[in-house]
């Protein structure tokens, strides 16, 4: 009976060793993207792809605003009820205008 009441020893846990993972050094070359030059935080930001703030502006005002972010852009003004091609062009921004010549929906790259 004395054998039945013996204390059972559990294996002791080993302390875990910390592993130091070497951190990568930041890449030295800088890629300048449209819309990232001179950003106040000093951090590169993704390029702007849409401009909802120009809805309601004239075509000239919208073009001026968009060129601040993307200087080499090509504009295509699309009148109401007109079809456009489905191709994607990273240097093109379409300005959809209403019958008064004001931007009717947010322009975007494409």
N, C-alpha and C. Protein backbone atom coordinates (compact mmCIF):
# COMPACT_ATOMS: atom_id res chain seq x y z
N UNK A 1 0.81 -1.19 0.00
CA UNK A 1 0.00 0.00 0.00
C UNK A 1 0.85 1.25 0.00
N UNK A 2 1.99 1.15 0.62
CA UNK A 2 2.89 2.29 0.66
C UNK A 2 3.35 2.63 -0.75
N UNK A 3 3.43 1.60 -1.59
CA UNK A 3 3.86 1.86 -2.96
C UNK A 3 2.82 2.66 -3.74
N UNK A 4 1.55 2.47 -3.44
CA UNK A 4 0.48 3.16 -4.17
C UNK A 4 0.48 4.65 -3.87
N UNK A 5 0.88 5.07 -2.70
CA UNK A 5 0.82 6.47 -2.31
C UNK A 5 2.12 7.23 -2.58
N UNK A 6 2.98 6.67 -3.35
CA UNK A 6 4.22 7.37 -3.63
C UNK A 6 3.94 8.57 -4.53
N UNK A 7 4.71 9.56 -4.30
CA UNK A 7 4.57 10.80 -5.07
C UNK A 7 5.21 10.61 -6.45
N UNK A 8 4.49 11.04 -7.46
CA UNK A 8 5.00 10.93 -8.82
C UNK A 8 5.67 12.25 -9.19
N UNK A 9 6.87 12.15 -9.66
CA UNK A 9 7.61 13.34 -10.07
C UNK A 9 7.29 13.63 -11.54
N UNK A 10 6.86 14.86 -11.81
CA UNK A 10 6.61 15.29 -13.18
C UNK A 10 7.90 15.86 -13.76
N UNK A 11 8.11 15.67 -15.05
CA UNK A 11 9.32 16.25 -15.65
C UNK A 11 9.27 17.77 -15.52
N UNK A 12 10.38 18.32 -15.15
CA UNK A 12 10.43 19.77 -14.98
C UNK A 12 10.57 20.44 -16.34
N UNK A 13 9.92 21.61 -16.44
CA UNK A 13 10.00 22.36 -17.69
C UNK A 13 11.34 23.04 -17.78
N UNK A 14 11.88 23.03 -18.97
CA UNK A 14 13.14 23.71 -19.20
C UNK A 14 12.86 25.18 -19.51
N UNK A 15 13.67 26.06 -18.99
CA UNK A 15 13.47 27.47 -19.35
C UNK A 15 13.72 27.65 -20.83
N UNK A 16 12.84 28.42 -21.46
CA UNK A 16 12.98 28.65 -22.89
C UNK A 16 14.10 29.64 -23.14
N UNK A 17 14.87 29.33 -24.15
CA UNK A 17 15.95 30.24 -24.51
C UNK A 17 15.40 31.26 -25.50
N UNK A 18 15.78 32.50 -25.27
CA UNK A 18 15.31 33.51 -26.20
C UNK A 18 16.19 33.49 -27.43
N UNK A 19 15.56 33.57 -28.55
CA UNK A 19 16.26 33.57 -29.82
C UNK A 19 16.19 34.96 -30.39
N UNK A 20 17.31 35.52 -30.71
CA UNK A 20 17.34 36.85 -31.30
C UNK A 20 17.36 36.69 -32.81
N UNK A 21 16.35 37.27 -33.44
CA UNK A 21 16.26 37.24 -34.89
C UNK A 21 16.89 38.52 -35.41
N UNK A 22 17.88 38.42 -36.28
CA UNK A 22 18.51 39.64 -36.78
C UNK A 22 17.51 40.44 -37.60
N UNK A 23 17.48 41.74 -37.34
CA UNK A 23 16.58 42.61 -38.08
C UNK A 23 17.26 43.06 -39.35
N UNK A 24 16.44 43.18 -40.41
CA UNK A 24 16.98 43.62 -41.68
C UNK A 24 17.29 45.10 -41.62
N UNK A 25 18.36 45.46 -42.28
CA UNK A 25 18.71 46.87 -42.37
C UNK A 25 17.82 47.52 -43.42
N UNK A 26 17.43 48.78 -43.20
CA UNK A 26 16.58 49.43 -44.20
C UNK A 26 17.32 49.54 -45.53
N UNK A 27 16.55 49.38 -46.59
CA UNK A 27 17.10 49.46 -47.93
C UNK A 27 17.56 50.88 -48.20
N UNK A 28 18.73 51.04 -48.76
CA UNK A 28 19.34 52.35 -48.91
C UNK A 28 18.74 53.18 -50.05
N UNK A 29 18.30 52.56 -51.12
CA UNK A 29 17.77 53.35 -52.24
C UNK A 29 16.34 53.78 -51.94
N UNK A 30 15.99 54.95 -52.41
CA UNK A 30 14.67 55.51 -52.17
C UNK A 30 13.91 55.56 -53.48
N UNK A 31 12.69 55.07 -53.47
CA UNK A 31 11.84 55.13 -54.65
C UNK A 31 10.85 56.26 -54.43
N UNK A 32 10.84 57.21 -55.32
CA UNK A 32 9.91 58.32 -55.21
C UNK A 32 8.67 58.01 -56.04
N UNK A 33 7.54 58.03 -55.38
CA UNK A 33 6.28 57.75 -56.03
C UNK A 33 5.50 59.04 -56.19
N UNK A 34 4.63 59.13 -57.21
CA UNK A 34 3.82 60.34 -57.33
C UNK A 34 3.02 60.56 -56.06
N UNK A 35 3.01 61.75 -55.56
CA UNK A 35 2.26 62.05 -54.34
C UNK A 35 3.05 61.85 -53.07
N UNK A 36 4.30 61.35 -53.16
CA UNK A 36 5.07 61.10 -51.95
C UNK A 36 6.19 62.11 -51.74
N UNK A 37 6.49 62.92 -52.73
CA UNK A 37 7.59 63.86 -52.62
C UNK A 37 7.22 64.97 -51.64
N UNK A 38 8.10 65.21 -50.70
CA UNK A 38 7.88 66.29 -49.74
C UNK A 38 6.77 66.04 -48.75
N UNK A 39 6.45 64.80 -48.49
CA UNK A 39 5.40 64.49 -47.52
C UNK A 39 5.85 64.97 -46.15
N UNK A 40 4.98 65.70 -45.41
CA UNK A 40 5.39 66.30 -44.14
C UNK A 40 5.93 65.31 -43.11
N UNK A 41 5.48 64.07 -43.13
CA UNK A 41 5.94 63.12 -42.12
C UNK A 41 7.31 62.56 -42.46
N UNK A 42 7.79 62.80 -43.68
CA UNK A 42 9.08 62.27 -44.09
C UNK A 42 9.02 60.80 -44.45
N UNK A 43 7.83 60.21 -44.44
CA UNK A 43 7.65 58.81 -44.76
C UNK A 43 7.06 58.71 -46.16
N UNK A 44 7.55 57.75 -46.91
CA UNK A 44 6.99 57.55 -48.24
C UNK A 44 5.56 57.05 -48.10
N UNK A 45 4.69 57.59 -48.93
CA UNK A 45 3.30 57.18 -48.92
C UNK A 45 2.96 56.61 -50.29
N UNK A 46 1.92 55.81 -50.32
CA UNK A 46 1.49 55.24 -51.59
C UNK A 46 1.01 56.36 -52.51
N UNK A 47 1.19 56.20 -53.80
CA UNK A 47 0.75 57.24 -54.71
C UNK A 47 -0.77 57.38 -54.68
N UNK A 48 -1.20 58.57 -54.89
CA UNK A 48 -2.64 58.83 -54.90
C UNK A 48 -3.23 58.29 -56.19
N UNK A 49 -4.36 57.63 -56.12
CA UNK A 49 -4.96 57.03 -57.30
C UNK A 49 -6.35 57.58 -57.61
N UNK A 50 -6.91 58.33 -56.68
CA UNK A 50 -8.24 58.90 -56.89
C UNK A 50 -8.31 60.27 -56.22
N UNK A 51 -9.16 61.13 -56.76
CA UNK A 51 -9.26 62.51 -56.29
C UNK A 51 -10.74 62.89 -56.06
N UNK A 52 -11.35 62.42 -55.00
CA UNK A 52 -12.77 62.75 -54.75
C UNK A 52 -12.98 64.23 -54.42
N UNK A 53 -11.92 64.92 -53.99
CA UNK A 53 -12.07 66.32 -53.62
C UNK A 53 -12.31 67.25 -54.81
N UNK A 54 -12.13 66.76 -56.05
CA UNK A 54 -12.33 67.63 -57.22
C UNK A 54 -13.74 67.54 -57.80
N UNK A 55 -14.57 66.67 -57.25
CA UNK A 55 -15.96 66.57 -57.73
C UNK A 55 -16.63 67.92 -57.52
N UNK A 56 -17.25 68.43 -58.58
CA UNK A 56 -17.92 69.73 -58.53
C UNK A 56 -17.05 70.86 -59.08
N UNK A 57 -15.77 70.61 -59.28
CA UNK A 57 -14.87 71.63 -59.83
C UNK A 57 -14.98 71.65 -61.35
N UNK A 58 -14.49 72.73 -61.96
CA UNK A 58 -14.39 72.77 -63.41
C UNK A 58 -13.24 71.87 -63.84
N UNK A 59 -13.19 71.56 -65.13
CA UNK A 59 -12.12 70.70 -65.64
C UNK A 59 -10.76 71.33 -65.38
N UNK A 60 -10.63 72.63 -65.60
CA UNK A 60 -9.35 73.32 -65.41
C UNK A 60 -8.89 73.25 -63.95
N UNK A 61 -9.82 73.49 -63.02
CA UNK A 61 -9.48 73.43 -61.59
C UNK A 61 -9.07 72.01 -61.19
N UNK A 62 -9.80 71.03 -61.70
CA UNK A 62 -9.51 69.63 -61.37
C UNK A 62 -8.14 69.23 -61.93
N UNK A 63 -7.86 69.64 -63.17
CA UNK A 63 -6.56 69.30 -63.76
C UNK A 63 -5.43 69.90 -62.95
N UNK A 64 -5.57 71.14 -62.53
CA UNK A 64 -4.53 71.81 -61.74
C UNK A 64 -4.29 71.06 -60.42
N UNK A 65 -5.36 70.68 -59.76
CA UNK A 65 -5.25 69.97 -58.47
C UNK A 65 -4.60 68.60 -58.65
N UNK A 66 -4.99 67.87 -59.67
CA UNK A 66 -4.46 66.53 -59.88
C UNK A 66 -2.99 66.60 -60.29
N UNK A 67 -2.61 67.60 -61.07
CA UNK A 67 -1.20 67.75 -61.49
C UNK A 67 -0.27 68.00 -60.30
N UNK A 68 -0.78 68.52 -59.19
CA UNK A 68 0.04 68.69 -57.99
C UNK A 68 0.55 67.33 -57.50
N UNK A 69 -0.29 66.31 -57.63
CA UNK A 69 0.06 64.96 -57.17
C UNK A 69 0.72 64.12 -58.26
N UNK A 70 0.40 64.42 -59.50
CA UNK A 70 0.86 63.59 -60.62
C UNK A 70 1.17 64.48 -61.82
N UNK A 71 2.36 65.08 -61.85
CA UNK A 71 2.69 66.09 -62.86
C UNK A 71 2.63 65.63 -64.31
N UNK A 72 2.94 64.39 -64.60
CA UNK A 72 3.00 63.92 -65.99
C UNK A 72 1.73 63.23 -66.45
N UNK A 73 0.64 63.48 -65.82
CA UNK A 73 -0.62 62.82 -66.14
C UNK A 73 -1.19 63.30 -67.47
N UNK A 74 -1.90 62.40 -68.13
CA UNK A 74 -2.66 62.75 -69.33
C UNK A 74 -4.13 62.70 -68.95
N UNK A 75 -4.88 63.73 -69.33
CA UNK A 75 -6.29 63.78 -68.99
C UNK A 75 -7.15 63.39 -70.18
N UNK A 76 -8.27 62.77 -69.88
CA UNK A 76 -9.28 62.48 -70.88
C UNK A 76 -10.60 62.96 -70.30
N UNK A 77 -11.17 63.97 -70.92
CA UNK A 77 -12.45 64.51 -70.46
C UNK A 77 -13.56 63.70 -71.12
N UNK A 78 -14.45 63.14 -70.29
CA UNK A 78 -15.52 62.28 -70.78
C UNK A 78 -16.85 62.99 -70.56
N UNK A 79 -17.53 63.40 -71.66
CA UNK A 79 -18.84 64.04 -71.52
C UNK A 79 -19.90 63.05 -71.01
N UNK A 80 -21.07 63.56 -70.63
CA UNK A 80 -22.14 62.67 -70.14
C UNK A 80 -22.56 61.66 -71.21
N UNK A 81 -22.89 60.47 -70.78
CA UNK A 81 -23.41 59.40 -71.63
C UNK A 81 -22.45 58.96 -72.73
N UNK A 82 -21.17 59.07 -72.52
CA UNK A 82 -20.19 58.62 -73.50
C UNK A 82 -19.51 57.35 -73.02
N UNK A 83 -19.14 56.52 -73.97
CA UNK A 83 -18.44 55.28 -73.66
C UNK A 83 -16.94 55.52 -73.66
N UNK A 84 -16.23 54.70 -72.89
CA UNK A 84 -14.77 54.75 -72.87
C UNK A 84 -14.24 53.34 -73.07
N UNK A 85 -12.98 53.25 -73.50
CA UNK A 85 -12.35 51.94 -73.67
C UNK A 85 -12.05 51.33 -72.31
N UNK A 86 -11.85 50.03 -72.27
CA UNK A 86 -11.61 49.33 -71.01
C UNK A 86 -10.13 49.17 -70.70
N UNK A 87 -9.25 49.70 -71.54
CA UNK A 87 -7.82 49.57 -71.28
C UNK A 87 -7.42 50.37 -70.05
N UNK A 88 -6.34 49.96 -69.41
CA UNK A 88 -5.87 50.62 -68.19
C UNK A 88 -4.54 51.29 -68.50
N UNK A 89 -4.46 52.59 -68.22
CA UNK A 89 -3.25 53.37 -68.49
C UNK A 89 -2.86 54.07 -67.19
N UNK A 90 -1.69 53.77 -66.66
CA UNK A 90 -1.28 54.33 -65.36
C UNK A 90 -0.96 55.82 -65.43
N UNK A 91 -0.87 56.37 -66.60
CA UNK A 91 -0.59 57.81 -66.74
C UNK A 91 -1.83 58.60 -67.14
N UNK A 92 -2.99 57.95 -67.18
CA UNK A 92 -4.22 58.63 -67.61
C UNK A 92 -5.18 58.78 -66.44
N UNK A 93 -5.83 59.95 -66.41
CA UNK A 93 -6.93 60.19 -65.47
C UNK A 93 -8.11 60.67 -66.29
N UNK A 94 -9.21 60.01 -66.15
CA UNK A 94 -10.43 60.42 -66.86
C UNK A 94 -11.24 61.35 -65.97
N UNK A 95 -11.67 62.45 -66.57
CA UNK A 95 -12.53 63.40 -65.87
C UNK A 95 -13.93 63.29 -66.45
N UNK A 96 -14.83 62.67 -65.71
CA UNK A 96 -16.22 62.55 -66.14
C UNK A 96 -16.93 63.84 -65.75
N UNK A 97 -17.50 64.52 -66.75
CA UNK A 97 -18.13 65.81 -66.49
C UNK A 97 -19.62 65.74 -66.75
N UNK A 98 -20.36 66.65 -66.10
CA UNK A 98 -21.80 66.75 -66.32
C UNK A 98 -22.07 67.74 -67.45
N UNK A 99 -23.34 68.05 -67.69
CA UNK A 99 -23.71 68.94 -68.79
C UNK A 99 -23.23 70.37 -68.57
N UNK A 100 -22.87 70.72 -67.33
CA UNK A 100 -22.36 72.06 -67.03
C UNK A 100 -20.83 72.13 -67.10
N UNK A 101 -20.18 71.02 -67.42
CA UNK A 101 -18.74 71.00 -67.51
C UNK A 101 -18.02 70.82 -66.19
N UNK A 102 -18.74 70.42 -65.17
CA UNK A 102 -18.13 70.19 -63.85
C UNK A 102 -17.90 68.70 -63.66
N UNK A 103 -16.87 68.37 -62.91
CA UNK A 103 -16.52 66.97 -62.64
C UNK A 103 -17.66 66.32 -61.85
N UNK A 104 -18.19 65.21 -62.39
CA UNK A 104 -19.37 64.60 -61.77
C UNK A 104 -19.06 63.38 -60.90
N UNK A 105 -17.91 62.78 -61.07
CA UNK A 105 -17.52 61.67 -60.19
C UNK A 105 -16.01 61.69 -59.98
N UNK A 106 -15.58 61.03 -58.92
CA UNK A 106 -14.18 61.09 -58.52
C UNK A 106 -13.27 60.54 -59.62
N UNK A 107 -12.35 61.38 -60.12
CA UNK A 107 -11.40 60.90 -61.12
C UNK A 107 -10.44 59.90 -60.49
N UNK A 108 -9.96 58.98 -61.32
CA UNK A 108 -8.99 58.00 -60.83
C UNK A 108 -8.05 57.61 -61.97
N UNK A 109 -6.94 57.05 -61.59
CA UNK A 109 -5.95 56.60 -62.58
C UNK A 109 -6.55 55.44 -63.35
N UNK A 110 -6.28 55.41 -64.62
CA UNK A 110 -6.74 54.29 -65.43
C UNK A 110 -6.99 54.70 -66.82
